[in-house]
Amino acid sequence: MTEIASPHIPHPRILVLGVQPGTPPFRIVEIDGQVVGEARAITDVLAAASAAGITVHDLDDPDVVRWVGGDKFTWLPH
């Protein structure tokens, strides 16, 4: 298989992990492979990105943000 034939697997700088139980529930945010904090809402993810110097134009772009265990609207445990 050549590089051209291989599937594109994005490696975004921002990784938002699945919802963790808590009061209130939260999601762990990683930037460039380092845990930078907890997010309880989309605004917390954007604030973390901004603090790291990352401008996010589209939270649905998998090249920018990877959502694990749900999407940008998933903030409660299943």
Protein backbone atom coordinates (compact mmCIF):
# COMPACT_ATOMS: atom_id res chain seq x y z
CA MET A 1 0.00 0.00 0.00
CA THR A 2 1.35 3.39 -0.88
CA GLU A 3 0.89 6.58 1.11
CA ILE A 4 -1.60 7.84 -1.44
CA ALA A 5 -3.71 4.70 -1.11
CA SER A 6 -3.67 4.74 2.70
CA PRO A 7 -6.57 6.38 4.52
CA HIS A 8 -6.11 9.85 5.98
CA ILE A 9 -6.02 9.68 9.76
CA PRO A 10 -6.07 13.15 11.24
CA HIS A 11 -3.93 13.94 14.27
CA PRO A 12 -5.58 17.05 15.63
CA ARG A 13 -3.86 19.18 18.26
CA ILE A 14 -6.99 19.14 20.46
CA LEU A 15 -8.40 15.93 21.92
CA VAL A 16 -11.55 15.99 24.05
CA LEU A 17 -12.01 12.72 25.93
CA GLY A 18 -15.28 11.07 26.97
CA VAL A 19 -17.52 12.35 29.74
CA GLN A 20 -16.33 11.60 33.27
CA PRO A 21 -18.78 11.28 36.14
CA GLY A 22 -18.68 14.17 38.55
CA THR A 23 -20.70 17.02 39.93
CA PRO A 24 -20.93 18.41 37.33
CA PRO A 25 -19.72 15.88 34.73
CA PHE A 26 -16.64 16.92 32.76
CA ARG A 27 -14.42 15.97 29.84
CA ILE A 28 -10.63 15.95 29.92
CA VAL A 29 -8.96 18.15 27.29
CA GLU A 30 -5.56 17.37 25.81
CA ILE A 31 -3.59 19.71 23.58
CA ASP A 32 -0.53 18.44 21.75
CA GLY A 33 -0.66 15.24 23.84
CA GLN A 34 -0.67 17.02 27.20
CA VAL A 35 -3.63 17.19 29.58
CA VAL A 36 -4.49 20.87 29.95
CA GLY A 37 -7.63 20.65 32.06
CA GLU A 38 -11.27 19.77 32.36
CA ALA A 39 -14.13 21.06 30.22
CA ARG A 40 -17.72 21.26 31.33
CA ALA A 41 -18.92 22.98 28.15
CA ILE A 42 -17.80 23.89 24.63
CA THR A 43 -16.63 27.27 25.88
CA ASP A 44 -14.09 25.56 28.16
CA VAL A 45 -12.62 23.73 25.14
CA LEU A 46 -12.38 27.00 23.22
CA ALA A 47 -10.76 28.74 26.21
CA ALA A 48 -8.15 25.97 26.50
CA ALA A 49 -7.42 26.20 22.78
CA SER A 50 -7.08 29.97 22.99
CA ALA A 51 -4.72 29.71 25.97
CA ALA A 52 -2.55 27.39 23.85
CA GLY A 53 -2.59 29.85 20.95
CA ILE A 54 -4.90 27.75 18.79
CA THR A 55 -7.70 29.44 16.87
CA VAL A 56 -10.65 27.11 16.31
CA HIS A 57 -12.96 28.03 13.44
CA ASP A 58 -14.88 24.74 13.19
CA LEU A 59 -15.38 22.40 16.16
CA ASP A 60 -16.62 19.72 13.73
CA ASP A 61 -13.36 19.65 11.74
CA PRO A 62 -11.59 16.37 12.64
CA ASP A 63 -8.26 17.92 11.60
CA VAL A 64 -8.68 20.45 14.44
CA VAL A 65 -10.57 18.69 17.26
CA ARG A 66 -11.14 15.00 17.97
CA TRP A 67 -14.15 14.24 20.15
CA VAL A 68 -13.91 10.85 21.93
CA GLY A 69 -17.04 9.27 23.37
CA GLY A 70 -19.47 11.76 21.90
CA ASP A 71 -19.55 15.02 20.01
CA LYS A 72 -19.43 18.68 21.01
CA PHE A 73 -22.96 18.40 22.43
CA THR A 74 -22.19 15.41 24.71
CA TRP A 75 -21.67 16.66 28.25
CA LEU A 76 -23.58 14.11 30.33
CA PRO A 77 -22.59 10.45 30.96
CA HIS A 78 -24.63 7.81 29.16
